[in-house]
Amino acid sequence: MNKLFDPQTVDVSNFDFNGQYKFNNTKLLRQALTHSSYKRENEVYDNGDASDDNERLEFLGDAILDLVIGDILFKSMPDEKEGNLSKIRAGIVCEESLAKIADILDISQLIILGRGELKSGGRNKSSILADAVEAIIGAIYLDSDYYTCYDFVATIFDHLIVQAENGMLNHDYKSLLQEKLQKDGSVDIKYVTYKEEGPDHKKTFYVKVFCGSKELGIGSGRSKKIAQQEAAKDAMLKGI
């Protein structure tokens, strides 16, 4: 079989999510990484095991994620009202944020996809990446216990939680920066990609943002769009 369409042969037995967790039952991890498009096309994996998808694990992980993030916010923000806590949690567990977590955990090349989904760039789709993260959380819960799962979530989501608590999560920083710089009139804002690293399927782009000839901020990301947002965010955090 063409290995391009056979990602289940990737060995995940030693995969430990950047040292945060190593599965005892790697079949649970394989299931968490299997998209429904693969199950629709294949009754079994290469080793003869019946194929399964991650939708039930995603359901479980979604519930656990809401509980853990809710608990963390409840304790860290004692003066916040319920409505604002709900909004902050929604920003942390949204598709965009979960896709960022998938990038940090470096799981895109491990996701098991059907041929059609693989051809259409499924590894880079935020929805697929987000679902896989939730499924992994559900799988860790089943592979260990709630407290181990809690620690995993608290660790990998820590930076997003801090950003959300400070009102800096998932904003359109390019628009915010443009509004600030053009408050007193039109100015020349440019985003320059000054470096690219990595293979085609896993590139990292590096961008600088300028106002005229003045450099305001730098950023990086898996796409030029993300890198530009990070550069604008850097400029905003510097108090430009």
Protein backbone atom coordinates (compact mmCIF):
# COMPACT_ATOMS: atom_id res chain seq x y z
CA MET A 1 0.00 0.00 0.00
CA ASN A 2 1.17 3.55 -0.73
CA LYS A 3 2.56 4.86 2.55
CA LEU A 4 1.20 8.29 1.75
CA PHE A 5 -2.23 6.90 2.56
CA ASP A 6 -1.09 4.59 5.33
CA PRO A 7 -0.20 6.78 8.33
CA GLN A 8 -1.33 4.17 10.87
CA THR A 9 2.05 2.51 10.37
CA VAL A 10 3.66 5.40 12.29
CA ASP A 11 5.00 4.07 15.58
CA VAL A 12 3.37 5.99 18.45
CA SER A 13 4.55 3.66 21.21
CA ASN A 14 7.20 6.13 22.36
CA PHE A 15 5.26 9.33 21.66
CA ASP A 16 5.07 11.33 24.89
CA PHE A 17 3.65 14.74 23.95
CA ASN A 18 6.83 16.67 24.65
CA GLY A 19 7.38 14.73 27.85
CA GLN A 20 3.91 15.43 29.25
CA TYR A 21 2.33 11.97 28.98
CA LYS A 22 3.14 8.52 27.64
CA PHE A 23 0.31 6.07 26.98
CA ASN A 24 0.18 2.66 28.65
CA ASN A 25 -2.39 1.48 26.09
CA THR A 26 -1.18 2.76 22.72
CA LYS A 27 -4.35 1.45 21.06
CA LEU A 28 -6.21 4.25 22.84
CA LEU A 29 -3.78 6.78 21.40
CA ARG A 30 -4.17 5.30 17.92
CA GLN A 31 -7.94 5.57 18.21
CA ALA A 32 -7.66 9.17 19.42
CA LEU A 33 -5.64 9.97 16.31
CA THR A 34 -7.98 8.21 13.86
CA HIS A 35 -10.32 10.49 11.93
CA SER A 36 -13.72 9.18 10.86
CA SER A 37 -12.67 9.45 7.20
CA TYR A 38 -10.21 6.60 7.73
CA LYS A 39 -12.74 4.31 9.38
CA ARG A 40 -15.19 4.91 6.54
CA GLU A 41 -12.60 3.66 4.05
CA ASN A 42 -10.89 0.92 6.07
CA GLU A 43 -12.32 -1.85 8.21
CA VAL A 44 -8.95 -2.71 9.76
CA TYR A 45 -5.53 -1.22 10.45
CA ASP A 46 -2.41 -2.77 8.94
CA ASN A 47 -1.94 -5.13 11.89
CA GLY A 48 -5.45 -6.56 11.47
CA ASP A 49 -7.08 -4.73 14.38
CA ALA A 50 -10.56 -3.41 13.64
CA SER A 51 -10.35 0.28 12.83
CA ASP A 52 -12.13 2.84 14.99
CA ASP A 53 -12.48 6.62 14.94
CA ASN A 54 -12.00 9.24 17.62
CA GLU A 55 -15.52 10.68 17.79
CA ARG A 56 -16.53 9.03 21.10
CA LEU A 57 -13.20 9.95 22.68
CA GLU A 58 -13.69 13.50 21.40
CA PHE A 59 -17.08 13.63 23.16
CA LEU A 60 -15.48 12.50 26.42
CA GLY A 61 -12.48 14.81 26.08
CA ASP A 62 -14.69 17.81 25.39
CA ALA A 63 -16.54 17.26 28.67
CA ILE A 64 -13.32 16.77 30.64
CA LEU A 65 -11.73 19.85 29.07
CA ASP A 66 -14.70 22.03 30.02
CA LEU A 67 -14.56 20.74 33.59
CA VAL A 68 -10.80 21.18 34.04
CA ILE A 69 -10.63 24.66 32.48
CA GLY A 70 -13.73 25.68 34.42
CA ASP A 71 -12.16 24.51 37.67
CA ILE A 72 -8.90 26.34 36.97
CA LEU A 73 -10.68 29.61 36.11
CA PHE A 74 -13.03 29.31 39.10
CA LYS A 75 -10.02 29.12 41.43
CA SER A 76 -7.75 31.63 39.67
CA MET A 77 -10.41 34.34 39.08
CA PRO A 78 -12.47 34.44 42.32
CA ASP A 79 -13.98 37.85 41.59
CA GLU A 80 -15.24 37.13 38.05
CA LYS A 81 -18.94 36.70 37.36
CA GLU A 82 -20.33 33.52 35.80
CA GLY A 83 -20.98 35.15 32.44
CA ASN A 84 -17.42 36.37 32.00
CA LEU A 85 -15.99 33.07 33.21
CA SER A 86 -18.04 31.29 30.54
CA LYS A 87 -16.73 33.64 27.84
CA ILE A 88 -13.14 33.18 28.94
CA ARG A 89 -13.49 29.39 29.01
CA ALA A 90 -15.12 29.42 25.57
CA GLY A 91 -12.09 31.26 24.19
CA ILE A 92 -9.71 28.70 25.69
CA VAL A 93 -11.55 25.61 24.41
CA CYS A 94 -12.54 26.96 20.98
CA GLU A 95 -11.35 25.39 17.72
CA GLU A 96 -8.69 28.02 17.12
CA SER A 97 -7.13 27.51 20.54
CA LEU A 98 -7.26 23.71 20.30
CA ALA A 99 -5.54 23.84 16.91
CA LYS A 100 -2.73 25.83 18.56
CA ILE A 101 -2.41 23.10 21.17
CA ALA A 102 -2.22 20.48 18.40
CA ASP A 103 0.63 22.46 16.88
CA ILE A 104 2.47 22.59 20.22
CA LEU A 105 2.00 18.85 20.73
CA ASP A 106 3.15 18.26 17.12
CA ILE A 107 0.45 15.71 16.30
CA SER A 108 -0.59 16.74 12.78
CA GLN A 109 1.60 14.14 11.06
CA LEU A 110 0.30 11.39 13.34
CA ILE A 111 -3.40 11.87 12.57
CA ILE A 112 -4.80 8.92 10.64
CA LEU A 113 -6.90 10.15 7.71
CA GLY A 114 -8.76 8.63 4.80
CA ARG A 115 -7.39 9.12 1.30
CA GLY A 116 -9.78 11.88 0.33
CA GLU A 117 -9.25 13.87 3.51
CA LEU A 118 -5.50 13.46 3.25
CA LYS A 119 -5.50 14.72 -0.35
CA SER A 120 -7.56 17.77 0.63
CA GLY A 121 -5.06 18.86 3.29
CA GLY A 122 -6.81 17.42 6.32
CA ARG A 123 -3.66 17.54 8.42
CA ASN A 124 -3.85 21.35 8.40
CA LYS A 125 -7.59 21.70 9.07
CA SER A 126 -8.25 23.35 12.41
CA SER A 127 -11.40 21.31 12.99
CA ILE A 128 -9.57 17.98 12.60
CA LEU A 129 -6.67 19.11 14.78
CA ALA A 130 -9.03 20.42 17.47
CA ASP A 131 -11.06 17.20 17.50
CA ALA A 132 -7.87 15.15 17.86
CA VAL A 133 -6.77 17.18 20.89
CA GLU A 134 -10.11 16.59 22.62
CA ALA A 135 -9.94 12.89 21.75
CA ILE A 136 -6.43 12.65 23.19
CA ILE A 137 -7.65 14.21 26.44
CA GLY A 138 -10.45 11.65 26.59
CA ALA A 139 -7.99 8.85 25.88
CA ILE A 140 -5.59 10.02 28.61
CA TYR A 141 -8.47 9.99 31.08
CA LEU A 142 -9.28 6.37 30.18
CA ASP A 143 -5.61 5.39 30.15
CA SER A 144 -4.92 6.87 33.59
CA ASP A 145 -7.30 8.82 35.86
CA TYR A 146 -8.93 12.22 36.24
CA TYR A 147 -6.10 13.78 38.25
CA THR A 148 -3.43 12.77 35.74
CA CYS A 149 -5.62 14.12 32.95
CA TYR A 150 -6.20 17.33 34.94
CA ASP A 151 -2.44 17.87 35.27
CA PHE A 152 -1.92 17.26 31.54
CA VAL A 153 -4.59 19.79 30.56
CA ALA A 154 -3.41 22.36 33.11
CA THR A 155 0.16 22.11 31.79
CA ILE A 156 -0.44 22.24 28.04
CA PHE A 157 -3.15 24.93 28.27
CA ASP A 158 -1.30 27.09 30.81
CA HIS A 159 -0.17 29.79 28.36
CA LEU A 160 -3.63 30.04 26.78
CA ILE A 161 -5.24 30.33 30.21
CA VAL A 162 -2.87 33.17 31.15
CA GLN A 163 -3.59 34.97 27.86
CA ALA A 164 -7.34 34.54 28.34
CA GLU A 165 -7.22 35.81 31.91
CA ASN A 166 -5.44 38.93 30.63
CA GLY A 167 -7.85 39.42 27.73
CA MET A 168 -5.22 38.65 25.10
CA LEU A 169 -6.46 35.41 23.56
CA ASN A 170 -7.60 34.97 19.94
CA HIS A 171 -7.85 38.66 19.08
CA ASP A 172 -7.40 39.99 15.55
CA TYR A 173 -4.15 41.75 16.43
CA LYS A 174 -3.55 42.98 12.88
CA SER A 175 -6.80 44.95 12.99
CA LEU A 176 -6.11 46.22 16.51
CA LEU A 177 -2.62 47.37 15.50
CA GLN A 178 -3.91 49.03 12.35
CA GLU A 179 -6.60 50.91 14.29
CA LYS A 180 -4.02 52.12 16.82
CA LEU A 181 -1.45 53.22 14.25
CA GLN A 182 -4.00 54.93 11.98
CA LYS A 183 -5.78 56.77 14.77
CA ASP A 184 -4.32 60.09 13.64
CA GLY A 185 -4.19 59.36 9.92
CA SER A 186 -3.06 56.89 7.29
CA VAL A 187 0.31 55.19 7.77
CA ASP A 188 2.27 52.58 5.81
CA ILE A 189 2.07 49.21 7.62
CA LYS A 190 3.99 46.29 6.10
CA TYR A 191 4.42 42.64 7.06
CA VAL A 192 7.66 41.12 5.76
CA THR A 193 8.41 37.40 5.76
CA TYR A 194 12.13 37.31 6.46
CA LYS A 195 12.69 33.58 6.98
CA GLU A 196 11.14 30.16 6.34
CA GLU A 197 12.23 26.93 8.01
CA GLY A 198 11.30 23.26 7.78
CA PRO A 199 9.95 20.88 5.10
CA ASP A 200 6.97 21.84 2.95
CA HIS A 201 4.48 19.91 5.09
CA LYS A 202 5.73 21.51 8.31
CA LYS A 203 7.07 24.98 7.53
CA THR A 204 7.56 27.74 10.08
CA PHE A 205 7.32 31.32 8.80
CA TYR A 206 9.00 34.31 10.45
CA VAL A 207 7.53 37.77 9.96
CA LYS A 208 8.38 41.35 10.96
CA VAL A 209 5.86 44.19 11.00
CA PHE A 210 6.94 47.71 10.07
CA CYS A 211 5.35 51.13 10.26
CA GLY A 212 7.21 52.97 7.56
CA SER A 213 10.85 52.01 8.16
CA LYS A 214 10.40 51.34 11.90
CA GLU A 215 10.28 47.70 13.02
CA LEU A 216 7.48 47.20 15.53
CA GLY A 217 7.35 43.47 16.23
CA ILE A 218 8.23 39.96 15.14
CA GLY A 219 6.30 36.70 15.05
CA SER A 220 6.37 33.14 13.78
CA GLY A 221 3.84 30.44 12.92
CA ARG A 222 2.89 27.51 10.70
CA SER A 223 1.41 29.91 8.14
CA LYS A 224 2.18 33.47 7.07
CA LYS A 225 -1.22 34.54 8.40
CA ILE A 226 -0.47 33.20 11.87
CA ALA A 227 3.03 34.69 11.83
CA GLN A 228 1.62 38.10 10.89
CA GLN A 229 -0.87 37.93 13.75
CA GLU A 230 1.94 37.02 16.15
CA ALA A 231 4.05 39.94 14.89
CA ALA A 232 1.14 42.35 15.38
CA LYS A 233 0.53 40.88 18.85
CA ASP A 234 4.21 41.39 19.70
CA ALA A 235 3.93 45.03 18.65
CA MET A 236 0.78 45.52 20.76
CA LEU A 237 2.38 43.90 23.82
CA LYS A 238 5.32 46.28 23.48
CA GLY A 239 2.90 49.17 23.86
CA ILE A 240 3.32 50.57 20.36
